[in-house]
Amino acid sequence: MVEALVDAFNWRLELGIRRNDTTDMSEQRSSNFVREEAPSWTSKVGALEKTLCFSEGGYDSMTPESNFLKRNIEMPNGYLYTV
């Protein structure tokens, strides 16, 4: 979850949406910020033994999210991008 949130925050920053309630409209908006990074401990979290699925329709009804998939979790992440 932490890594997926970091990806979502960076996506918003790339769009020019800044935390101080301003919008960067410059041509460099996708690169003129400091990218967020997940804490180092997240790289040590292993995969679940059995697949955990958070979608009633199964894996086919959602967009895969790599940070969850590498931990054997099938979970849509679209809502994270509306934070």
PDB file of N, CA and C in Angstrom:
ATOM      1  N   MET A   1       0.813  -1.184   0.000  1.00  0.00           N
ATOM      2  CA  MET A   1       0.000   0.000   0.000  1.00  0.00           C
ATOM      3  C   MET A   1       0.865   1.260   0.000  1.00  0.00           C
ATOM      4  N   VAL A   2       1.910   1.255   0.783  1.00  0.00           N
ATOM      5  CA  VAL A   2       2.777   2.434   0.879  1.00  0.00           C
ATOM      6  C   VAL A   2       3.391   2.750  -0.483  1.00  0.00           C
ATOM      7  N   GLU A   3       3.916   1.741  -1.158  1.00  0.00           N
ATOM      8  CA  GLU A   3       4.545   1.966  -2.463  1.00  0.00           C
ATOM      9  C   GLU A   3       3.525   2.442  -3.494  1.00  0.00           C
ATOM     10  N   ALA A   4       2.320   1.911  -3.446  1.00  0.00           N
ATOM     11  CA  ALA A   4       1.278   2.333  -4.378  1.00  0.00           C
ATOM     12  C   ALA A   4       0.882   3.788  -4.123  1.00  0.00           C
ATOM     13  N   LEU A   5       0.828   4.196  -2.873  1.00  0.00           N
ATOM     14  CA  LEU A   5       0.532   5.595  -2.553  1.00  0.00           C
ATOM     15  C   LEU A   5       1.636   6.524  -3.047  1.00  0.00           C
ATOM     16  N   VAL A   6       2.875   6.109  -2.907  1.00  0.00           N
ATOM     17  CA  VAL A   6       4.001   6.906  -3.406  1.00  0.00           C
ATOM     18  C   VAL A   6       3.870   7.084  -4.918  1.00  0.00           C
ATOM     19  N   ASP A   7       3.537   6.009  -5.630  1.00  0.00           N
ATOM     20  CA  ASP A   7       3.332   6.107  -7.081  1.00  0.00           C
ATOM     21  C   ASP A   7       2.210   7.091  -7.410  1.00  0.00           C
ATOM     22  N   ALA A   8       1.121   7.038  -6.643  1.00  0.00           N
ATOM     23  CA  ALA A   8      -0.008   7.940  -6.879  1.00  0.00           C
ATOM     24  C   ALA A   8       0.384   9.398  -6.620  1.00  0.00           C
ATOM     25  N   PHE A   9       1.115   9.651  -5.537  1.00  0.00           N
ATOM     26  CA  PHE A   9       1.568  11.015  -5.250  1.00  0.00           C
ATOM     27  C   PHE A   9       2.477  11.530  -6.367  1.00  0.00           C
ATOM     28  N   ASN A  10       3.408  10.698  -6.820  1.00  0.00           N
ATOM     29  CA  ASN A  10       4.315  11.122  -7.887  1.00  0.00           C
ATOM     30  C   ASN A  10       3.563  11.380  -9.184  1.00  0.00           C
ATOM     31  N   TRP A  11       2.545  10.593  -9.468  1.00  0.00           N
ATOM     32  CA  TRP A  11       1.728  10.800 -10.670  1.00  0.00           C
ATOM     33  C   TRP A  11       1.075  12.179 -10.624  1.00  0.00           C
ATOM     34  N   ARG A  12       0.523  12.534  -9.454  1.00  0.00           N
ATOM     35  CA  ARG A  12      -0.113  13.844  -9.318  1.00  0.00           C
ATOM     36  C   ARG A  12       0.919  14.975  -9.443  1.00  0.00           C
ATOM     37  N   LEU A  13       2.089  14.777  -8.865  1.00  0.00           N
ATOM     38  CA  LEU A  13       3.144  15.784  -8.985  1.00  0.00           C
ATOM     39  C   LEU A  13       3.571  15.952 -10.439  1.00  0.00           C
ATOM     40  N   GLU A  14       3.635  14.853 -11.193  1.00  0.00           N
ATOM     41  CA  GLU A  14       3.981  14.926 -12.616  1.00  0.00           C
ATOM     42  C   GLU A  14       2.951  15.727 -13.407  1.00  0.00           C
ATOM     43  N   LEU A  15       1.707  15.697 -12.971  1.00  0.00           N
ATOM     44  CA  LEU A  15       0.647  16.471 -13.628  1.00  0.00           C
ATOM     45  C   LEU A  15       0.713  17.953 -13.277  1.00  0.00           C
ATOM     46  N   GLY A  16       1.549  18.297 -12.305  1.00  0.00           N
ATOM     47  CA  GLY A  16       1.680  19.687 -11.896  1.00  0.00           C
ATOM     48  C   GLY A  16       0.878  20.033 -10.657  1.00  0.00           C
ATOM     49  N   ILE A  17       0.221  19.043 -10.069  1.00  0.00           N
ATOM     50  CA  ILE A  17      -0.572  19.278  -8.864  1.00  0.00           C
ATOM     51  C   ILE A  17       0.366  19.232  -7.664  1.00  0.00           C
ATOM     52  N   ARG A  18       0.474  20.359  -6.973  1.00  0.00           N
ATOM     53  CA  ARG A  18       1.398  20.465  -5.855  1.00  0.00           C
ATOM     54  C   ARG A  18       0.654  20.434  -4.523  1.00  0.00           C
ATOM     55  N   ARG A  19       1.357  20.092  -3.485  1.00  0.00           N
ATOM     56  CA  ARG A  19       0.745  19.931  -2.169  1.00  0.00           C
ATOM     57  C   ARG A  19       0.305  21.240  -1.535  1.00  0.00           C
ATOM     58  N   ASN A  20       0.883  22.347  -1.935  1.00  0.00           N
ATOM     59  CA  ASN A  20       0.536  23.635  -1.331  1.00  0.00           C
ATOM     60  C   ASN A  20      -0.676  24.267  -2.012  1.00  0.00           C
ATOM     61  N   ASP A  21      -1.511  23.437  -2.621  1.00  0.00           N
ATOM     62  CA  ASP A  21      -2.748  23.868  -3.273  1.00  0.00           C
ATOM     63  C   ASP A  21      -2.492  24.777  -4.471  1.00  0.00           C
ATOM     64  N   THR A  22      -1.365  24.581  -5.137  1.00  0.00           N
ATOM     65  CA  THR A  22      -1.068  25.319  -6.358  1.00  0.00           C
ATOM     66  C   THR A  22      -0.913  24.323  -7.504  1.00  0.00           C
ATOM     67  N   THR A  23      -0.902  24.856  -8.705  1.00  0.00           N
ATOM     68  CA  THR A  23      -0.717  24.024  -9.890  1.00  0.00           C
ATOM     69  C   THR A  23       0.439  24.578 -10.700  1.00  0.00           C
ATOM     70  N   ASP A  24       1.368  23.723 -11.047  1.00  0.00           N
ATOM     71  CA  ASP A  24       2.500  24.102 -11.890  1.00  0.00           C
ATOM     72  C   ASP A  24       2.078  23.896 -13.342  1.00  0.00           C
ATOM     73  N   MET A  25       1.958  24.966 -14.084  1.00  0.00           N
ATOM     74  CA  MET A  25       1.532  24.888 -15.480  1.00  0.00           C
ATOM     75  C   MET A  25       2.710  24.984 -16.447  1.00  0.00           C
ATOM     76  N   SER A  26       3.931  24.981 -15.934  1.00  0.00           N
ATOM     77  CA  SER A  26       5.102  25.131 -16.791  1.00  0.00           C
ATOM     78  C   SER A  26       5.346  23.873 -17.622  1.00  0.00           C
ATOM     79  N   GLU A  27       6.158  24.014 -18.638  1.00  0.00           N
ATOM     80  CA  GLU A  27       6.527  22.874 -19.489  1.00  0.00           C
ATOM     81  C   GLU A  27       7.328  21.832 -18.714  1.00  0.00           C
ATOM     82  N   GLN A  28       7.966  22.239 -17.633  1.00  0.00           N
ATOM     83  CA  GLN A  28       8.803  21.343 -16.833  1.00  0.00           C
ATOM     84  C   GLN A  28       8.049  20.731 -15.645  1.00  0.00           C
ATOM     85  N   ARG A  29       6.734  20.867 -15.620  1.00  0.00           N
ATOM     86  CA  ARG A  29       5.962  20.419 -14.450  1.00  0.00           C
ATOM     87  C   ARG A  29       6.137  18.938 -14.137  1.00  0.00           C
ATOM     88  N   SER A  30       6.441  18.129 -15.157  1.00  0.00           N
ATOM     89  CA  SER A  30       6.579  16.686 -14.914  1.00  0.00           C
ATOM     90  C   SER A  30       7.943  16.311 -14.357  1.00  0.00           C
ATOM     91  N   SER A  31       8.840  17.286 -14.237  1.00  0.00           N
ATOM     92  CA  SER A  31      10.179  16.947 -13.745  1.00  0.00           C
ATOM     93  C   SER A  31      10.754  17.941 -12.733  1.00  0.00           C
ATOM     94  N   ASN A  32      10.103  19.064 -12.503  1.00  0.00           N
ATOM     95  CA  ASN A  32      10.696  20.063 -11.605  1.00  0.00           C
ATOM     96  C   ASN A  32      10.176  19.942 -10.168  1.00  0.00           C
ATOM     97  N   PHE A  33      10.245  18.752  -9.648  1.00  0.00           N
ATOM     98  CA  PHE A  33       9.863  18.496  -8.261  1.00  0.00           C
ATOM     99  C   PHE A  33      10.706  17.340  -7.739  1.00  0.00           C
ATOM    100  N   VAL A  34      10.734  17.197  -6.449  1.00  0.00           N
ATOM    101  CA  VAL A  34      11.458  16.085  -5.831  1.00  0.00           C
ATOM    102  C   VAL A  34      10.490  14.913  -5.719  1.00  0.00           C
ATOM    103  N   ARG A  35      10.837  13.805  -6.373  1.00  0.00           N
ATOM    104  CA  ARG A  35       9.982  12.614  -6.345  1.00  0.00           C
ATOM    105  C   ARG A  35       9.941  12.016  -4.942  1.00  0.00           C
ATOM    106  N   GLU A  36       8.773  11.545  -4.570  1.00  0.00           N
ATOM    107  CA  GLU A  36       8.618  10.835  -3.305  1.00  0.00           C
ATOM    108  C   GLU A  36       9.211   9.439  -3.459  1.00  0.00           C
ATOM    109  N   GLU A  37       9.711   8.885  -2.379  1.00  0.00           N
ATOM    110  CA  GLU A  37      10.256   7.529  -2.384  1.00  0.00           C
ATOM    111  C   GLU A  37       9.654   6.751  -1.230  1.00  0.00           C
ATOM    112  N   ALA A  38       9.394   5.483  -1.481  1.00  0.00           N
ATOM    113  CA  ALA A  38       8.860   4.621  -0.423  1.00  0.00           C
ATOM    114  C   ALA A  38       9.942   4.382   0.625  1.00  0.00           C
ATOM    115  N   PRO A  39       9.557   4.208   1.874  1.00  0.00           N
ATOM    116  CA  PRO A  39      10.537   3.889   2.918  1.00  0.00           C
ATOM    117  C   PRO A  39      11.267   2.589   2.580  1.00  0.00           C
ATOM    118  N   SER A  40      12.501   2.480   3.006  1.00  0.00           N
ATOM    119  CA  SER A  40      13.320   1.312   2.655  1.00  0.00           C
ATOM    120  C   SER A  40      12.737   0.003   3.175  1.00  0.00           C
ATOM    121  N   TRP A  41      12.012   0.039   4.289  1.00  0.00           N
ATOM    122  CA  TRP A  41      11.483  -1.201   4.852  1.00  0.00           C
ATOM    123  C   TRP A  41      10.471  -1.873   3.930  1.00  0.00           C
ATOM    124  N   THR A  42       9.859  -1.108   3.011  1.00  0.00           N
ATOM    125  CA  THR A  42       8.852  -1.709   2.134  1.00  0.00           C
ATOM    126  C   THR A  42       9.457  -2.746   1.191  1.00  0.00           C
ATOM    127  N   SER A  43      10.729  -2.602   0.873  1.00  0.00           N
ATOM    128  CA  SER A  43      11.369  -3.573  -0.029  1.00  0.00           C
ATOM    129  C   SER A  43      11.577  -4.928   0.641  1.00  0.00           C
ATOM    130  N   LYS A  44      11.445  -4.968   1.951  1.00  0.00           N
ATOM    131  CA  LYS A  44      11.647  -6.218   2.688  1.00  0.00           C
ATOM    132  C   LYS A  44      10.346  -6.987   2.928  1.00  0.00           C
ATOM    133  N   VAL A  45       9.228  -6.408   2.533  1.00  0.00           N
ATOM    134  CA  VAL A  45       7.935  -7.065   2.737  1.00  0.00           C
ATOM    135  C   VAL A  45       7.741  -8.107   1.639  1.00  0.00           C
ATOM    136  N   GLY A  46       7.552  -9.343   2.038  1.00  0.00           N
ATOM    137  CA  GLY A  46       7.419 -10.442   1.086  1.00  0.00           C
ATOM    138  C   GLY A  46       5.994 -10.643   0.601  1.00  0.00           C
ATOM    139  N   ALA A  47       5.846 -11.616  -0.273  1.00  0.00           N
ATOM    140  CA  ALA A  47       4.540 -11.946  -0.848  1.00  0.00           C
ATOM    141  C   ALA A  47       3.732 -12.819   0.105  1.00  0.00           C
ATOM    142  N   LEU A  48       2.426 -12.725  -0.023  1.00  0.00           N
ATOM    143  CA  LEU A  48       1.542 -13.602   0.738  1.00  0.00           C
ATOM    144  C   LEU A  48       1.639 -15.021   0.193  1.00  0.00           C
ATOM    145  N   GLU A  49       1.402 -15.987   1.039  1.00  0.00           N
ATOM    146  CA  GLU A  49       1.454 -17.386   0.614  1.00  0.00           C
ATOM    147  C   GLU A  49       0.324 -17.705  -0.361  1.00  0.00           C
ATOM    148  N   LYS A  50      -0.878 -17.215  -0.060  1.00  0.00           N
ATOM    149  CA  LYS A  50      -2.038 -17.430  -0.925  1.00  0.00           C
ATOM    150  C   LYS A  50      -2.468 -16.089  -1.504  1.00  0.00           C
ATOM    151  N   THR A  51      -2.983 -16.106  -2.732  1.00  0.00           N
ATOM    152  CA  THR A  51      -3.444 -14.887  -3.380  1.00  0.00           C
ATOM    153  C   THR A  51      -4.614 -14.277  -2.620  1.00  0.00           C
ATOM    154  N   LEU A  52      -4.538 -12.979  -2.418  1.00  0.00           N
ATOM    155  CA  LEU A  52      -5.607 -12.229  -1.773  1.00  0.00           C
ATOM    156  C   LEU A  52      -6.231 -11.330  -2.835  1.00  0.00           C
ATOM    157  N   CYS A  53      -7.526 -11.517  -3.104  1.00  0.00           N
ATOM    158  CA  CYS A  53      -8.197 -10.767  -4.168  1.00  0.00           C
ATOM    159  C   CYS A  53      -9.253  -9.845  -3.573  1.00  0.00           C
ATOM    160  N   PHE A  54      -9.187  -8.559  -3.917  1.00  0.00           N
ATOM    161  CA  PHE A  54     -10.125  -7.561  -3.415  1.00  0.00           C
ATOM    162  C   PHE A  54     -11.166  -7.157  -4.450  1.00  0.00           C
ATOM    163  N   SER A  55     -11.349  -7.952  -5.483  1.00  0.00           N
ATOM    164  CA  SER A  55     -12.314  -7.623  -6.522  1.00  0.00           C
ATOM    165  C   SER A  55     -13.284  -8.777  -6.697  1.00  0.00           C
ATOM    166  N   GLU A  56     -14.575  -8.482  -6.611  1.00  0.00           N
ATOM    167  CA  GLU A  56     -15.583  -9.523  -6.775  1.00  0.00           C
ATOM    168  C   GLU A  56     -15.542 -10.131  -8.167  1.00  0.00           C
ATOM    169  N   GLY A  57     -15.210  -9.322  -9.165  1.00  0.00           N
ATOM    170  CA  GLY A  57     -15.178  -9.801 -10.539  1.00  0.00           C
ATOM    171  C   GLY A  57     -13.902 -10.539 -10.889  1.00  0.00           C
ATOM    172  N   GLY A  58     -12.979 -10.617  -9.967  1.00  0.00           N
ATOM    173  CA  GLY A  58     -11.711 -11.279 -10.238  1.00  0.00           C
ATOM    174  C   GLY A  58     -10.716 -10.357 -10.904  1.00  0.00           C
ATOM    175  N   TYR A  59      -9.586 -10.909 -11.237  1.00  0.00           N
ATOM    176  CA  TYR A  59      -8.467 -10.141 -11.773  1.00  0.00           C
ATOM    177  C   TYR A  59      -8.787  -9.461 -13.096  1.00  0.00           C
ATOM    178  N   ASP A  60      -9.642 -10.064 -13.931  1.00  0.00           N
ATOM    179  CA  ASP A  60      -9.941  -9.510 -15.250  1.00  0.00           C
ATOM    180  C   ASP A  60     -10.695  -8.186 -15.196  1.00  0.00           C
ATOM    181  N   SER A  61     -11.344  -7.887 -14.072  1.00  0.00           N
ATOM    182  CA  SER A  61     -12.168  -6.680 -13.989  1.00  0.00           C
ATOM    183  C   SER A  61     -11.417  -5.472 -13.428  1.00  0.00           C
ATOM    184  N   MET A  62     -10.095  -5.561 -13.298  1.00  0.00           N
ATOM    185  CA  MET A  62      -9.347  -4.448 -12.715  1.00  0.00           C
ATOM    186  C   MET A  62      -8.023  -4.221 -13.439  1.00  0.00           C
ATOM    187  N   THR A  63      -7.457  -3.059 -13.204  1.00  0.00           N
ATOM    188  CA  THR A  63      -6.137  -2.744 -13.729  1.00  0.00           C
ATOM    189  C   THR A  63      -5.092  -3.286 -12.757  1.00  0.00           C
ATOM    190  N   PRO A  64      -4.157  -4.101 -13.234  1.00  0.00           N
ATOM    191  CA  PRO A  64      -3.144  -4.652 -12.323  1.00  0.00           C
ATOM    192  C   PRO A  64      -2.235  -3.557 -11.764  1.00  0.00           C
ATOM    193  N   GLU A  65      -1.818  -3.726 -10.548  1.00  0.00           N
ATOM    194  CA  GLU A  65      -0.929  -2.769  -9.896  1.00  0.00           C
ATOM    195  C   GLU A  65       0.294  -3.537  -9.426  1.00  0.00           C
ATOM    196  N   SER A  66       1.448  -3.209  -9.958  1.00  0.00           N
ATOM    197  CA  SER A  66       2.660  -4.006  -9.752  1.00  0.00           C
ATOM    198  C   SER A  66       3.080  -4.127  -8.289  1.00  0.00           C
ATOM    199  N   ASN A  67       2.902  -3.068  -7.503  1.00  0.00           N
ATOM    200  CA  ASN A  67       3.311  -3.145  -6.097  1.00  0.00           C
ATOM    201  C   ASN A  67       2.482  -4.155  -5.314  1.00  0.00           C
ATOM    202  N   PHE A  68       1.215  -4.296  -5.666  1.00  0.00           N
ATOM    203  CA  PHE A  68       0.380  -5.303  -5.018  1.00  0.00           C
ATOM    204  C   PHE A  68       0.655  -6.687  -5.602  1.00  0.00           C
ATOM    205  N   LEU A  69       0.786  -6.767  -6.921  1.00  0.00           N
ATOM    206  CA  LEU A  69       0.987  -8.064  -7.571  1.00  0.00           C
ATOM    207  C   LEU A  69       2.234  -8.774  -7.072  1.00  0.00           C
ATOM    208  N   LYS A  70       3.314  -8.042  -6.826  1.00  0.00           N
ATOM    209  CA  LYS A  70       4.543  -8.693  -6.371  1.00  0.00           C
ATOM    210  C   LYS A  70       4.402  -9.260  -4.963  1.00  0.00           C
ATOM    211  N   ARG A  71       3.312  -8.900  -4.293  1.00  0.00           N
ATOM    212  CA  ARG A  71       3.041  -9.447  -2.953  1.00  0.00           C
ATOM    213  C   ARG A  71       1.856 -10.406  -2.973  1.00  0.00           C
ATOM    214  N   ASN A  72       1.465 -10.820  -4.189  1.00  0.00           N
ATOM    215  CA  ASN A  72       0.394 -11.797  -4.380  1.00  0.00           C
ATOM    216  C   ASN A  72      -0.962 -11.235  -3.934  1.00  0.00           C
ATOM    217  N   ILE A  73      -1.155  -9.944  -4.180  1.00  0.00           N
ATOM    218  CA  ILE A  73      -2.415  -9.277  -3.849  1.00  0.00           C
ATOM    219  C   ILE A  73      -3.008  -8.728  -5.141  1.00  0.00           C
ATOM    220  N   GLU A  74      -4.249  -9.102  -5.419  1.00  0.00           N
ATOM    221  CA  GLU A  74      -4.956  -8.593  -6.586  1.00  0.00           C
ATOM    222  C   GLU A  74      -5.925  -7.525  -6.105  1.00  0.00           C
ATOM    223  N   MET A  75      -5.561  -6.278  -6.378  1.00  0.00           N
ATOM    224  CA  MET A  75      -6.339  -5.153  -5.857  1.00  0.00           C
ATOM    225  C   MET A  75      -6.309  -4.004  -6.853  1.00  0.00           C
ATOM    226  N   PRO A  76      -7.475  -3.423  -7.162  1.00  0.00           N
ATOM    227  CA  PRO A  76      -7.468  -2.255  -8.046  1.00  0.00           C
ATOM    228  C   PRO A  76      -6.849  -1.071  -7.318  1.00  0.00           C
ATOM    229  N   ASN A  77      -6.226  -0.179  -8.066  1.00  0.00           N
ATOM    230  CA  ASN A  77      -5.578   0.961  -7.418  1.00  0.00           C
ATOM    231  C   ASN A  77      -6.100   2.303  -7.888  1.00  0.00           C
ATOM    232  N   GLY A  78      -7.126   2.329  -8.707  1.00  0.00           N
ATOM    233  CA  GLY A  78      -7.634   3.582  -9.251  1.00  0.00           C
ATOM    234  C   GLY A  78      -7.995   4.610  -8.202  1.00  0.00           C
ATOM    235  N   TYR A  79      -8.571   4.163  -7.099  1.00  0.00           N
ATOM    236  CA  TYR A  79      -8.979   5.104  -6.052  1.00  0.00           C
ATOM    237  C   TYR A  79      -7.785   5.778  -5.387  1.00  0.00           C
ATOM    238  N   LEU A  80      -6.630   5.145  -5.408  1.00  0.00           N
ATOM    239  CA  LEU A  80      -5.447   5.766  -4.811  1.00  0.00           C
ATOM    240  C   LEU A  80      -5.060   7.043  -5.553  1.00  0.00           C
ATOM    241  N   TYR A  81      -5.398   7.109  -6.836  1.00  0.00           N
ATOM    242  CA  TYR A  81      -5.024   8.264  -7.640  1.00  0.00           C
ATOM    243  C   TYR A  81      -5.982   9.440  -7.461  1.00  0.00           C
ATOM    244  N   THR A  82      -7.024   9.267  -6.660  1.00  0.00           N
ATOM    245  CA  THR A  82      -7.938  10.376  -6.378  1.00  0.00           C
ATOM    246  C   THR A  82      -7.685  10.966  -5.000  1.00  0.00           C
ATOM    247  N   VAL A  83      -6.609  10.546  -4.347  1.00  0.00           N
ATOM    248  CA  VAL A  83      -6.275  11.033  -3.005  1.00  0.00           C
ATOM    249  C   VAL A  83      -5.987  12.514  -3.065  1.00  0.00           C
TER     250      VAL A  83
END
